[in-house]
Amino acid sequence: MTKHSGVKALILGFFTVASCFTFAADATQASTTTKSSPCSAPEFHQLDFWAGDWDVFDVDNPATQVARVKVDRILDGCVLREDYQDSDGHNGQSLSIYDAALKVWHQSWVTNRGQLLLLDGGLRDDEVVLSATEHLPDGKSKLIRGTWKPVGSGVRETAVTSVDDGKSWKPWFDLIFRPHTASASTSDDQKAVAKLDTQYQAAVKANDTATMDRILADDFVLSTGSGKKYTKKDLLDEACSGHVQYEHQEDTEQTVRVWGDTAVVTARLWEKGTDNGKEFDYTVWFSDTYVRTPKGWTYVFGQSSLPLPKTSQ
C-alpha cells in the first residue's frame, strides 16, 4: 500500500471480470431486449466515494502533502483504477472490483518498488475494509488491514498490521484525501523536493546505498569546487566501501526553487568525519538539480563549492 513513507500502500492485481449476459427465450426477443450494464448493481459502487483527483496528507500532519492520487472508473464502470504518486518517488497503481459471485471486493496493489498486495473484503457499515497477507523476503509474513471511509468531501484511508496472526495490531498509516487544488502544486513540489534532498543527505551520512540508488539518476554527475567529477557509480562505490564515516552531514539555509519539471536546491552543508581514518571537518555551499520523471523527482546534477574559510562557517 502506500503509502507514506510511508508511506501508503495496498491495492490489487488483475482479476477476470465475469460478464453477466441475459439470454432471451428466442433470437427475436434477444434482439429487442435492452441489456443493462453488467456492473449496475449497487454493490459495484460501494467504493465510488473514492473516485476523484486527490491531494493526500497524513492525518497527524495535515499541512504537508505526501502524495497525489487519481482514482477513476474503467471497463464500463466495473473497475476502480488508482494511480498513486508519493512525494518521495514511491509510486503505485491498483485495481479494485466487486466479485458478484463471491460477494466480496478484491483489490491488487503494485509499485515501482516491486511490491504486490492482494486484498479481499467488503463493506462494513459506511466503510470498505480489505485485508491481505504480505509475504516478506525473510520468509515471514504479516497481516494487513486497510479501511476506506468517506469523510466530508474527502476520504480517509487507514492501515494496520499484525505479525502475530491478528492477536495484536499496530498502525501503519493514516491518510486523508482532499480534492486536488492546482494552486498548491508549486508549494507541494517545493516541499517534496526539499524532503527528498534531506533524505539523500541522511542516506549519504549512513552510507545507505539503497536510498542513494533510488534518488540518484543513472546519468547523475557531481561537480566539486576542486574540479573533480563523480558519477552515480562513484558515489555508490564509495558508500559501499564504508571508508568514509560521517559524524555530521547536515544542511542549513535550504532553499528550493521550482520551474515546471525542474527544481534546484541550494544550502550550506556541514561535513565532518573520517576518510580512511583521516579526519575532515568543513562546510560548503551546494546546489542540487532535480527533474520530474514518471517515477517522481530524481536527482540529476550536483555542484559544491570549495570548503568555506573557517571564519565564514
C-alpha atoms as a PDB file:
ATOM      1  CA  MET A   1       0.000   0.000   0.000  1.00  0.00           C
ATOM      2  CA  THR A   2       1.182   3.382   0.403  1.00  0.00           C
ATOM      3  CA  LYS A   3       1.829   4.929   1.158  1.00  0.00           C
ATOM      4  CA  HIS A   4       3.926   7.442   3.169  1.00  0.00           C
ATOM      5  CA  SER A   5       6.768   6.981   3.852  1.00  0.00           C
ATOM      6  CA  GLY A   6       5.155   5.779   4.359  1.00  0.00           C
ATOM      7  CA  VAL A   7       4.156   5.902   3.136  1.00  0.00           C
ATOM      8  CA  LYS A   8       0.903   4.181   1.692  1.00  0.00           C
ATOM      9  CA  ALA A   9       0.447   1.266   0.409  1.00  0.00           C
ATOM     10  CA  LEU A  10      -2.143  -1.528  -0.548  1.00  0.00           C
ATOM     11  CA  ILE A  11      -4.298  -2.422  -3.743  1.00  0.00           C
ATOM     12  CA  LEU A  12      -4.752  -5.223  -6.173  1.00  0.00           C
ATOM     13  CA  GLY A  13      -3.758  -7.219  -9.087  1.00  0.00           C
ATOM     14  CA  PHE A  14      -5.570  -8.143 -12.144  1.00  0.00           C
ATOM     15  CA  PHE A  15      -8.743 -10.146 -12.000  1.00  0.00           C
ATOM     16  CA  THR A  16     -11.014 -11.693 -14.620  1.00  0.00           C
ATOM     17  CA  VAL A  17     -14.319  -9.885 -14.713  1.00  0.00           C
ATOM     18  CA  ALA A  18     -17.287 -12.213 -15.198  1.00  0.00           C
ATOM     19  CA  SER A  19     -19.730 -10.703 -17.664  1.00  0.00           C
ATOM     20  CA  CYS A  20     -23.401 -11.166 -16.938  1.00  0.00           C
ATOM     21  CA  PHE A  21     -25.448 -11.901 -20.022  1.00  0.00           C
ATOM     22  CA  THR A  22     -29.216 -12.186 -20.174  1.00  0.00           C
ATOM     23  CA  PHE A  23     -30.319 -14.897 -22.518  1.00  0.00           C
ATOM     24  CA  ALA A  24     -33.684 -14.391 -24.139  1.00  0.00           C
ATOM     25  CA  ALA A  25     -36.050 -17.236 -24.905  1.00  0.00           C
ATOM     26  CA  ASP A  26     -35.548 -16.733 -28.621  1.00  0.00           C
ATOM     27  CA  ALA A  27     -33.448 -14.640 -31.000  1.00  0.00           C
ATOM     28  CA  THR A  28     -36.246 -12.192 -31.732  1.00  0.00           C
ATOM     29  CA  GLN A  29     -36.741 -11.371 -28.057  1.00  0.00           C
ATOM     30  CA  ALA A  30     -32.949 -11.035 -27.573  1.00  0.00           C
ATOM     31  CA  SER A  31     -32.674  -8.502 -30.350  1.00  0.00           C
ATOM     32  CA  THR A  32     -35.372  -6.302 -28.832  1.00  0.00           C
ATOM     33  CA  THR A  33     -34.271  -6.532 -25.183  1.00  0.00           C
ATOM     34  CA  THR A  34     -32.130  -3.727 -23.827  1.00  0.00           C
ATOM     35  CA  LYS A  35     -29.239  -5.107 -21.798  1.00  0.00           C
ATOM     36  CA  SER A  36     -28.328  -3.417 -18.529  1.00  0.00           C
ATOM     37  CA  SER A  37     -24.726  -2.741 -17.566  1.00  0.00           C
ATOM     38  CA  PRO A  38     -23.078  -5.881 -16.130  1.00  0.00           C
ATOM     39  CA  CYS A  39     -21.915  -3.791 -13.162  1.00  0.00           C
ATOM     40  CA  SER A  40     -25.030  -1.730 -12.495  1.00  0.00           C
ATOM     41  CA  ALA A  41     -25.866  -3.412  -9.178  1.00  0.00           C
ATOM     42  CA  PRO A  42     -25.352  -1.172  -6.111  1.00  0.00           C
ATOM     43  CA  GLU A  43     -22.618  -3.461  -4.735  1.00  0.00           C
ATOM     44  CA  PHE A  44     -20.295  -2.477  -7.587  1.00  0.00           C
ATOM     45  CA  HIS A  45     -20.493   1.152  -6.479  1.00  0.00           C
ATOM     46  CA  GLN A  46     -19.828   0.818  -2.748  1.00  0.00           C
ATOM     47  CA  LEU A  47     -16.361   2.308  -3.242  1.00  0.00           C
ATOM     48  CA  ASP A  48     -17.383   5.077  -5.655  1.00  0.00           C
ATOM     49  CA  PHE A  49     -16.752   7.711  -2.977  1.00  0.00           C
ATOM     50  CA  TRP A  50     -13.021   7.095  -3.523  1.00  0.00           C
ATOM     51  CA  ALA A  51     -13.112   8.120  -7.211  1.00  0.00           C
ATOM     52  CA  GLY A  52     -11.567  11.542  -7.827  1.00  0.00           C
ATOM     53  CA  ASP A  53      -8.400  13.619  -8.114  1.00  0.00           C
ATOM     54  CA  TRP A  54      -6.891  13.882  -4.628  1.00  0.00           C
ATOM     55  CA  ASP A  55      -4.177  15.594  -2.634  1.00  0.00           C
ATOM     56  CA  VAL A  56      -3.152  13.253   0.185  1.00  0.00           C
ATOM     57  CA  PHE A  57      -1.969  14.205   3.678  1.00  0.00           C
ATOM     58  CA  ASP A  58      -1.005  12.426   6.895  1.00  0.00           C
ATOM     59  CA  VAL A  59      -3.767  12.912   9.449  1.00  0.00           C
ATOM     60  CA  ASP A  60      -1.127  13.839  12.042  1.00  0.00           C
ATOM     61  CA  ASN A  61       0.480  16.405   9.701  1.00  0.00           C
ATOM     62  CA  PRO A  62      -2.362  17.875   7.626  1.00  0.00           C
ATOM     63  CA  ALA A  63      -0.321  20.835   6.355  1.00  0.00           C
ATOM     64  CA  THR A  64       2.178  18.774   4.330  1.00  0.00           C
ATOM     65  CA  GLN A  65       1.062  16.912   1.223  1.00  0.00           C
ATOM     66  CA  VAL A  66       2.574  13.428   0.925  1.00  0.00           C
ATOM     67  CA  ALA A  67       1.043  12.184  -2.328  1.00  0.00           C
ATOM     68  CA  ARG A  68      -1.184  12.868  -5.327  1.00  0.00           C
ATOM     69  CA  VAL A  69      -3.762  10.198  -6.166  1.00  0.00           C
ATOM     70  CA  LYS A  70      -6.157   9.840  -9.073  1.00  0.00           C
ATOM     71  CA  VAL A  71      -8.911   7.222  -8.912  1.00  0.00           C
ATOM     72  CA  ASP A  72     -11.221   6.633 -11.870  1.00  0.00           C
ATOM     73  CA  ARG A  73     -13.741   4.037 -13.024  1.00  0.00           C
ATOM     74  CA  ILE A  74     -12.752   1.960 -16.080  1.00  0.00           C
ATOM     75  CA  LEU A  75     -14.097  -1.020 -18.062  1.00  0.00           C
ATOM     76  CA  ASP A  76     -17.682   0.222 -18.262  1.00  0.00           C
ATOM     77  CA  GLY A  77     -17.635   1.216 -14.606  1.00  0.00           C
ATOM     78  CA  CYS A  78     -16.771  -2.274 -13.345  1.00  0.00           C
ATOM     79  CA  VAL A  79     -13.280  -1.463 -12.030  1.00  0.00           C
ATOM     80  CA  LEU A  80     -11.744   1.300  -9.913  1.00  0.00           C
ATOM     81  CA  ARG A  81      -8.207   2.186 -11.001  1.00  0.00           C
ATOM     82  CA  GLU A  82      -5.855   4.076  -8.670  1.00  0.00           C
ATOM     83  CA  ASP A  83      -2.712   5.946  -9.711  1.00  0.00           C
ATOM     84  CA  TYR A  84      -0.663   6.824  -6.607  1.00  0.00           C
ATOM     85  CA  GLN A  85       2.318   9.225  -6.795  1.00  0.00           C
ATOM     86  CA  ASP A  86       4.170   9.658  -3.491  1.00  0.00           C
ATOM     87  CA  SER A  87       6.295  12.761  -2.909  1.00  0.00           C
ATOM     88  CA  ASP A  88       9.369  10.587  -2.246  1.00  0.00           C
ATOM     89  CA  GLY A  89       9.132   8.731  -5.570  1.00  0.00           C
ATOM     90  CA  HIS A  90       7.208   5.709  -4.240  1.00  0.00           C
ATOM     91  CA  ASN A  91       4.580   5.163  -6.927  1.00  0.00           C
ATOM     92  CA  GLY A  92       1.920   2.528  -7.329  1.00  0.00           C
ATOM     93  CA  GLN A  93      -1.264   1.519  -9.069  1.00  0.00           C
ATOM     94  CA  SER A  94      -4.208  -0.579  -8.052  1.00  0.00           C
ATOM     95  CA  LEU A  95      -7.299  -2.203  -9.487  1.00  0.00           C
ATOM     96  CA  SER A  96     -10.392  -2.854  -7.378  1.00  0.00           C
ATOM     97  CA  ILE A  97     -13.534  -4.814  -8.308  1.00  0.00           C
ATOM     98  CA  TYR A  98     -16.585  -6.300  -6.637  1.00  0.00           C
ATOM     99  CA  ASP A  99     -16.860 -10.054  -7.192  1.00  0.00           C
ATOM    100  CA  ALA A 100     -20.583 -10.711  -7.569  1.00  0.00           C
ATOM    101  CA  ALA A 101     -20.125 -14.479  -7.398  1.00  0.00           C
ATOM    102  CA  LEU A 102     -18.224 -14.475  -4.090  1.00  0.00           C
ATOM    103  CA  LYS A 103     -19.863 -11.249  -2.855  1.00  0.00           C
ATOM    104  CA  VAL A 104     -16.522  -9.683  -1.855  1.00  0.00           C
ATOM    105  CA  TRP A 105     -14.273  -6.860  -3.023  1.00  0.00           C
ATOM    106  CA  HIS A 106     -10.876  -7.719  -4.500  1.00  0.00           C
ATOM    107  CA  GLN A 107      -8.034  -5.251  -4.826  1.00  0.00           C
ATOM    108  CA  SER A 108      -4.470  -5.511  -6.120  1.00  0.00           C
ATOM    109  CA  TRP A 109      -1.663  -3.070  -5.395  1.00  0.00           C
ATOM    110  CA  VAL A 110       1.643  -2.989  -7.314  1.00  0.00           C
ATOM    111  CA  THR A 111       4.504  -0.481  -7.007  1.00  0.00           C
ATOM    112  CA  ASN A 112       7.768   0.668  -8.540  1.00  0.00           C
ATOM    113  CA  ARG A 113       9.500  -0.956  -5.546  1.00  0.00           C
ATOM    114  CA  GLY A 114       8.405  -4.431  -6.612  1.00  0.00           C
ATOM    115  CA  GLN A 115       5.614  -4.670  -4.035  1.00  0.00           C
ATOM    116  CA  LEU A 116       2.450  -6.691  -4.591  1.00  0.00           C
ATOM    117  CA  LEU A 117      -0.547  -6.913  -2.291  1.00  0.00           C
ATOM    118  CA  LEU A 118      -3.757  -8.836  -2.959  1.00  0.00           C
ATOM    119  CA  LEU A 119      -6.608  -7.818  -0.684  1.00  0.00           C
ATOM    120  CA  ASP A 120     -10.136  -9.044  -0.107  1.00  0.00           C
ATOM    121  CA  GLY A 121     -13.032  -7.749   1.954  1.00  0.00           C
ATOM    122  CA  GLY A 122     -16.202  -5.758   1.755  1.00  0.00           C
ATOM    123  CA  LEU A 123     -18.498  -3.073   3.073  1.00  0.00           C
ATOM    124  CA  ARG A 124     -18.883  -2.764   6.845  1.00  0.00           C
ATOM    125  CA  ASP A 125     -21.370  -0.091   7.845  1.00  0.00           C
ATOM    126  CA  ASP A 126     -20.146   3.022   5.977  1.00  0.00           C
ATOM    127  CA  GLU A 127     -16.584   1.891   5.203  1.00  0.00           C
ATOM    128  CA  VAL A 128     -14.862  -0.637   2.960  1.00  0.00           C
ATOM    129  CA  VAL A 129     -12.409  -2.930   4.774  1.00  0.00           C
ATOM    130  CA  LEU A 130      -9.895  -5.058   2.855  1.00  0.00           C
ATOM    131  CA  SER A 131      -7.288  -7.459   4.235  1.00  0.00           C
ATOM    132  CA  ALA A 132      -4.182  -9.187   2.889  1.00  0.00           C
ATOM    133  CA  THR A 133      -1.226 -11.312   3.911  1.00  0.00           C
ATOM    134  CA  GLU A 134       2.139  -9.828   2.884  1.00  0.00           C
ATOM    135  CA  HIS A 135       4.945 -12.345   2.428  1.00  0.00           C
ATOM    136  CA  LEU A 136       8.320 -10.852   3.401  1.00  0.00           C
ATOM    137  CA  PRO A 137      11.758 -11.600   1.871  1.00  0.00           C
ATOM    138  CA  ASP A 138      12.921 -13.247   5.124  1.00  0.00           C
ATOM    139  CA  GLY A 139      10.219 -15.884   4.800  1.00  0.00           C
ATOM    140  CA  LYS A 140       7.971 -14.355   7.439  1.00  0.00           C
ATOM    141  CA  SER A 141       4.584 -12.787   6.794  1.00  0.00           C
ATOM    142  CA  LYS A 142       2.333 -10.118   8.250  1.00  0.00           C
ATOM    143  CA  LEU A 143      -1.346  -9.333   8.067  1.00  0.00           C
ATOM    144  CA  ILE A 144      -2.502  -6.002   6.630  1.00  0.00           C
ATOM    145  CA  ARG A 145      -5.946  -4.445   7.014  1.00  0.00           C
ATOM    146  CA  GLY A 146      -6.914  -1.304   5.134  1.00  0.00           C
ATOM    147  CA  THR A 147     -10.034   0.816   5.572  1.00  0.00           C
ATOM    148  CA  TRP A 148     -11.572   3.419   3.237  1.00  0.00           C
ATOM    149  CA  LYS A 149     -14.248   5.737   4.594  1.00  0.00           C
ATOM    150  CA  PRO A 150     -15.897   8.916   3.210  1.00  0.00           C
ATOM    151  CA  VAL A 151     -15.248  11.952   5.405  1.00  0.00           C
ATOM    152  CA  GLY A 152     -16.981  15.156   4.343  1.00  0.00           C
ATOM    153  CA  SER A 153     -15.822  15.987   0.807  1.00  0.00           C
ATOM    154  CA  GLY A 154     -12.822  13.673   1.157  1.00  0.00           C
ATOM    155  CA  VAL A 155     -11.780  10.142   2.052  1.00  0.00           C
ATOM    156  CA  ARG A 156      -9.851   8.705   4.974  1.00  0.00           C
ATOM    157  CA  GLU A 157      -7.657   5.660   4.355  1.00  0.00           C
ATOM    158  CA  THR A 158      -6.028   3.852   7.259  1.00  0.00           C
ATOM    159  CA  ALA A 159      -3.997   0.671   7.560  1.00  0.00           C
ATOM    160  CA  VAL A 160      -2.833  -1.532  10.423  1.00  0.00           C
ATOM    161  CA  THR A 161      -0.510  -4.534  10.507  1.00  0.00           C
ATOM    162  CA  SER A 162      -0.134  -7.664  12.625  1.00  0.00           C
ATOM    163  CA  VAL A 163       2.789 -10.075  12.948  1.00  0.00           C
ATOM    164  CA  ASP A 164       1.089 -12.427  15.431  1.00  0.00           C
ATOM    165  CA  ASP A 165      -1.812 -13.699  13.288  1.00  0.00           C
ATOM    166  CA  GLY A 166      -4.140 -10.880  14.310  1.00  0.00           C
ATOM    167  CA  LYS A 167      -3.705 -11.110  18.076  1.00  0.00           C
ATOM    168  CA  SER A 168      -2.456  -7.516  18.111  1.00  0.00           C
ATOM    169  CA  TRP A 169      -2.383  -4.717  15.565  1.00  0.00           C
ATOM    170  CA  LYS A 170      -0.069  -1.727  15.010  1.00  0.00           C
ATOM    171  CA  PRO A 171      -0.839   1.430  12.982  1.00  0.00           C
ATOM    172  CA  TRP A 172       0.805   1.585   9.567  1.00  0.00           C
ATOM    173  CA  PHE A 173      -0.537   4.817   8.088  1.00  0.00           C
ATOM    174  CA  ASP A 174      -3.489   7.185   8.435  1.00  0.00           C
ATOM    175  CA  LEU A 175      -4.190   9.355   5.393  1.00  0.00           C
ATOM    176  CA  ILE A 176      -6.762  11.963   4.447  1.00  0.00           C
ATOM    177  CA  PHE A 177      -7.681  12.552   0.780  1.00  0.00           C
ATOM    178  CA  ARG A 178      -8.745  16.087  -0.157  1.00  0.00           C
ATOM    179  CA  PRO A 179      -9.918  17.273  -3.589  1.00  0.00           C
ATOM    180  CA  HIS A 180      -6.877  18.357  -5.598  1.00  0.00           C
ATOM    181  CA  THR A 181      -6.214  22.097  -5.774  1.00  0.00           C
ATOM    182  CA  ALA A 182      -3.923  23.239  -8.589  1.00  0.00           C
ATOM    183  CA  SER A 183      -2.921  26.417  -6.744  1.00  0.00           C
ATOM    184  CA  ALA A 184      -0.985  24.413  -4.177  1.00  0.00           C
ATOM    185  CA  SER A 185       1.113  22.474  -6.722  1.00  0.00           C
ATOM    186  CA  THR A 186       4.254  24.651  -6.687  1.00  0.00           C
ATOM    187  CA  SER A 187       4.429  24.738  -2.905  1.00  0.00           C
ATOM    188  CA  ASP A 188       3.829  20.987  -2.797  1.00  0.00           C
ATOM    189  CA  ASP A 189       6.653  20.417  -5.283  1.00  0.00           C
ATOM    190  CA  GLN A 190       8.993  22.539  -3.175  1.00  0.00           C
ATOM    191  CA  LYS A 191       8.157  20.534  -0.077  1.00  0.00           C
ATOM    192  CA  ALA A 192       8.540  17.222  -1.905  1.00  0.00           C
ATOM    193  CA  VAL A 193      11.968  18.117  -3.322  1.00  0.00           C
ATOM    194  CA  ALA A 194      13.166  19.564  -0.005  1.00  0.00           C
ATOM    195  CA  LYS A 195      12.143  16.346   1.750  1.00  0.00           C
ATOM    196  CA  LEU A 196      13.837  14.192  -0.894  1.00  0.00           C
ATOM    197  CA  ASP A 197      17.080  16.169  -0.731  1.00  0.00           C
ATOM    198  CA  THR A 198      17.123  15.891   3.059  1.00  0.00           C
ATOM    199  CA  GLN A 199      16.598  12.145   2.705  1.00  0.00           C
ATOM    200  CA  TYR A 200      19.553  11.985   0.329  1.00  0.00           C
ATOM    201  CA  GLN A 201      21.884  13.776   2.755  1.00  0.00           C
ATOM    202  CA  ALA A 202      20.802  11.388   5.519  1.00  0.00           C
ATOM    203  CA  ALA A 203      21.462   8.420   3.214  1.00  0.00           C
ATOM    204  CA  VAL A 204      24.989   9.690   2.455  1.00  0.00           C
ATOM    205  CA  LYS A 205      25.683  10.056   6.173  1.00  0.00           C
ATOM    206  CA  ALA A 206      24.529   6.476   6.815  1.00  0.00           C
ATOM    207  CA  ASN A 207      26.216   5.026   3.683  1.00  0.00           C
ATOM    208  CA  ASP A 208      22.721   3.883   2.710  1.00  0.00           C
ATOM    209  CA  THR A 209      23.308   2.781  -0.873  1.00  0.00           C
ATOM    210  CA  ALA A 210      19.734   1.595  -1.446  1.00  0.00           C
ATOM    211  CA  THR A 211      18.262   5.053  -0.794  1.00  0.00           C
ATOM    212  CA  MET A 212      21.047   6.793  -2.733  1.00  0.00           C
ATOM    213  CA  ASP A 213      20.458   4.481  -5.694  1.00  0.00           C
ATOM    214  CA  ARG A 214      16.716   5.236  -5.624  1.00  0.00           C
ATOM    215  CA  ILE A 215      17.155   9.015  -5.582  1.00  0.00           C
ATOM    216  CA  LEU A 216      20.105   9.405  -7.995  1.00  0.00           C
ATOM    217  CA  ALA A 217      19.521   9.393 -11.746  1.00  0.00           C
ATOM    218  CA  ASP A 218      21.519   6.795 -13.665  1.00  0.00           C
ATOM    219  CA  ASP A 219      23.399   9.570 -15.523  1.00  0.00           C
ATOM    220  CA  PHE A 220      23.938  11.665 -12.375  1.00  0.00           C
ATOM    221  CA  VAL A 221      27.070  13.855 -12.180  1.00  0.00           C
ATOM    222  CA  LEU A 222      28.542  15.738  -9.202  1.00  0.00           C
ATOM    223  CA  SER A 223      30.997  18.559  -9.889  1.00  0.00           C
ATOM    224  CA  THR A 224      33.057  19.910  -6.966  1.00  0.00           C
ATOM    225  CA  GLY A 225      34.813  23.203  -6.438  1.00  0.00           C
ATOM    226  CA  SER A 226      38.191  21.469  -6.811  1.00  0.00           C
ATOM    227  CA  GLY A 227      37.297  20.412 -10.356  1.00  0.00           C
ATOM    228  CA  LYS A 228      36.590  16.757  -9.602  1.00  0.00           C
ATOM    229  CA  LYS A 229      33.595  14.951 -11.064  1.00  0.00           C
ATOM    230  CA  TYR A 230      31.767  11.933  -9.656  1.00  0.00           C
ATOM    231  CA  THR A 231      29.187   9.662 -11.267  1.00  0.00           C
ATOM    232  CA  LYS A 232      26.401   7.735  -9.573  1.00  0.00           C
ATOM    233  CA  LYS A 233      28.592   4.636  -9.611  1.00  0.00           C
ATOM    234  CA  ASP A 234      31.450   6.539  -7.951  1.00  0.00           C
ATOM    235  CA  LEU A 235      29.214   7.655  -5.081  1.00  0.00           C
ATOM    236  CA  LEU A 236      27.621   4.240  -4.591  1.00  0.00           C
ATOM    237  CA  ASP A 237      31.015   2.518  -4.640  1.00  0.00           C
ATOM    238  CA  GLU A 238      32.335   4.968  -2.038  1.00  0.00           C
ATOM    239  CA  ALA A 239      29.311   4.426   0.219  1.00  0.00           C
ATOM    240  CA  CYS A 240      29.547   0.666  -0.203  1.00  0.00           C
ATOM    241  CA  SER A 241      33.228   0.617   0.763  1.00  0.00           C
ATOM    242  CA  GLY A 242      32.490   2.360   4.066  1.00  0.00           C
ATOM    243  CA  HIS A 243      35.893   4.062   4.172  1.00  0.00           C
ATOM    244  CA  VAL A 244      34.144   7.408   4.762  1.00  0.00           C
ATOM    245  CA  GLN A 245      32.390   7.609   8.122  1.00  0.00           C
ATOM    246  CA  TYR A 246      30.298  10.702   8.899  1.00  0.00           C
ATOM    247  CA  GLU A 247      29.729  12.306  12.250  1.00  0.00           C
ATOM    248  CA  HIS A 248      27.871  15.188  10.606  1.00  0.00           C
ATOM    249  CA  GLN A 249      26.247  15.503   7.158  1.00  0.00           C
ATOM    250  CA  GLU A 250      23.557  18.131   7.674  1.00  0.00           C
ATOM    251  CA  ASP A 251      22.499  21.142   5.645  1.00  0.00           C
ATOM    252  CA  THR A 252      21.088  24.506   6.686  1.00  0.00           C
ATOM    253  CA  GLU A 253      19.620  27.553   4.909  1.00  0.00           C
ATOM    254  CA  GLN A 254      17.921  25.235   2.433  1.00  0.00           C
ATOM    255  CA  THR A 255      16.063  26.925  -0.436  1.00  0.00           C
ATOM    256  CA  VAL A 256      14.077  25.154  -3.149  1.00  0.00           C
ATOM    257  CA  ARG A 257      13.068  26.778  -6.446  1.00  0.00           C
ATOM    258  CA  VAL A 258      10.785  25.047  -8.943  1.00  0.00           C
ATOM    259  CA  TRP A 259      10.359  25.775 -12.655  1.00  0.00           C
ATOM    260  CA  GLY A 260       7.886  23.344 -14.166  1.00  0.00           C
ATOM    261  CA  ASP A 261       9.537  19.924 -14.063  1.00  0.00           C
ATOM    262  CA  THR A 262      12.913  21.203 -12.813  1.00  0.00           C
ATOM    263  CA  ALA A 263      13.834  22.056  -9.223  1.00  0.00           C
ATOM    264  CA  VAL A 264      17.064  23.414  -7.722  1.00  0.00           C
ATOM    265  CA  VAL A 265      18.036  23.093  -4.070  1.00  0.00           C
ATOM    266  CA  THR A 266      20.698  25.346  -2.525  1.00  0.00           C
ATOM    267  CA  ALA A 267      22.020  25.027   1.029  1.00  0.00           C
ATOM    268  CA  ARG A 268      25.091  25.052   3.272  1.00  0.00           C
ATOM    269  CA  LEU A 269      26.376  21.583   4.096  1.00  0.00           C
ATOM    270  CA  TRP A 270      28.491  20.697   7.142  1.00  0.00           C
ATOM    271  CA  GLU A 271      30.528  17.532   6.668  1.00  0.00           C
ATOM    272  CA  LYS A 272      32.574  16.065   9.491  1.00  0.00           C
ATOM    273  CA  GLY A 273      34.001  12.582   9.874  1.00  0.00           C
ATOM    274  CA  THR A 274      36.899  10.374   8.788  1.00  0.00           C
ATOM    275  CA  ASP A 275      38.126   9.207   5.382  1.00  0.00           C
ATOM    276  CA  ASN A 276      40.238   6.062   5.740  1.00  0.00           C
ATOM    277  CA  GLY A 277      40.832   7.124   9.327  1.00  0.00           C
ATOM    278  CA  LYS A 278      41.850  10.693   8.419  1.00  0.00           C
ATOM    279  CA  GLU A 279      39.644  13.370   9.987  1.00  0.00           C
ATOM    280  CA  PHE A 280      37.850  16.028   7.936  1.00  0.00           C
ATOM    281  CA  ASP A 281      35.650  18.930   9.019  1.00  0.00           C
ATOM    282  CA  TYR A 282      34.430  21.563   6.568  1.00  0.00           C
ATOM    283  CA  THR A 283      31.391  23.445   5.237  1.00  0.00           C
ATOM    284  CA  VAL A 284      30.448  24.006   1.597  1.00  0.00           C
ATOM    285  CA  TRP A 285      27.673  25.623  -0.387  1.00  0.00           C
ATOM    286  CA  PHE A 286      25.964  23.256  -2.801  1.00  0.00           C
ATOM    287  CA  SER A 287      23.204  23.232  -5.395  1.00  0.00           C
ATOM    288  CA  ASP A 288      21.302  20.093  -6.368  1.00  0.00           C
ATOM    289  CA  THR A 289      19.179  19.836  -9.511  1.00  0.00           C
ATOM    290  CA  TYR A 290      16.142  17.555  -9.641  1.00  0.00           C
ATOM    291  CA  VAL A 291      13.846  16.757 -12.573  1.00  0.00           C
ATOM    292  CA  ARG A 292      10.334  15.345 -12.514  1.00  0.00           C
ATOM    293  CA  THR A 293      10.016  11.919 -14.165  1.00  0.00           C
ATOM    294  CA  PRO A 294       7.145   9.419 -14.438  1.00  0.00           C
ATOM    295  CA  LYS A 295       8.597   7.772 -11.310  1.00  0.00           C
ATOM    296  CA  GLY A 296       8.809  11.032  -9.340  1.00  0.00           C
ATOM    297  CA  TRP A 297      11.540  13.586  -8.660  1.00  0.00           C
ATOM    298  CA  THR A 298      15.085  12.410  -9.480  1.00  0.00           C
ATOM    299  CA  TYR A 299      18.451  13.944  -8.513  1.00  0.00           C
ATOM    300  CA  VAL A 300      20.353  14.533 -11.782  1.00  0.00           C
ATOM    301  CA  PHE A 301      23.175  17.024 -11.094  1.00  0.00           C
ATOM    302  CA  GLY A 302      25.056  18.395  -8.104  1.00  0.00           C
ATOM    303  CA  GLN A 303      27.586  21.167  -7.589  1.00  0.00           C
ATOM    304  CA  SER A 304      29.559  22.053  -4.485  1.00  0.00           C
ATOM    305  CA  SER A 305      31.900  24.908  -3.639  1.00  0.00           C
ATOM    306  CA  LEU A 306      35.378  24.688  -2.222  1.00  0.00           C
ATOM    307  CA  PRO A 307      35.401  24.412   1.595  1.00  0.00           C
ATOM    308  CA  LEU A 308      34.451  27.764   3.118  1.00  0.00           C
ATOM    309  CA  PRO A 309      37.009  29.639   5.220  1.00  0.00           C
ATOM    310  CA  LYS A 310      36.618  28.748   8.889  1.00  0.00           C
ATOM    311  CA  THR A 311      35.721  32.343   9.718  1.00  0.00           C
ATOM    312  CA  SER A 312      32.650  32.181   7.442  1.00  0.00           C
ATOM    313  CA  GLN A 313      31.463  28.800   8.728  1.00  0.00           C
END
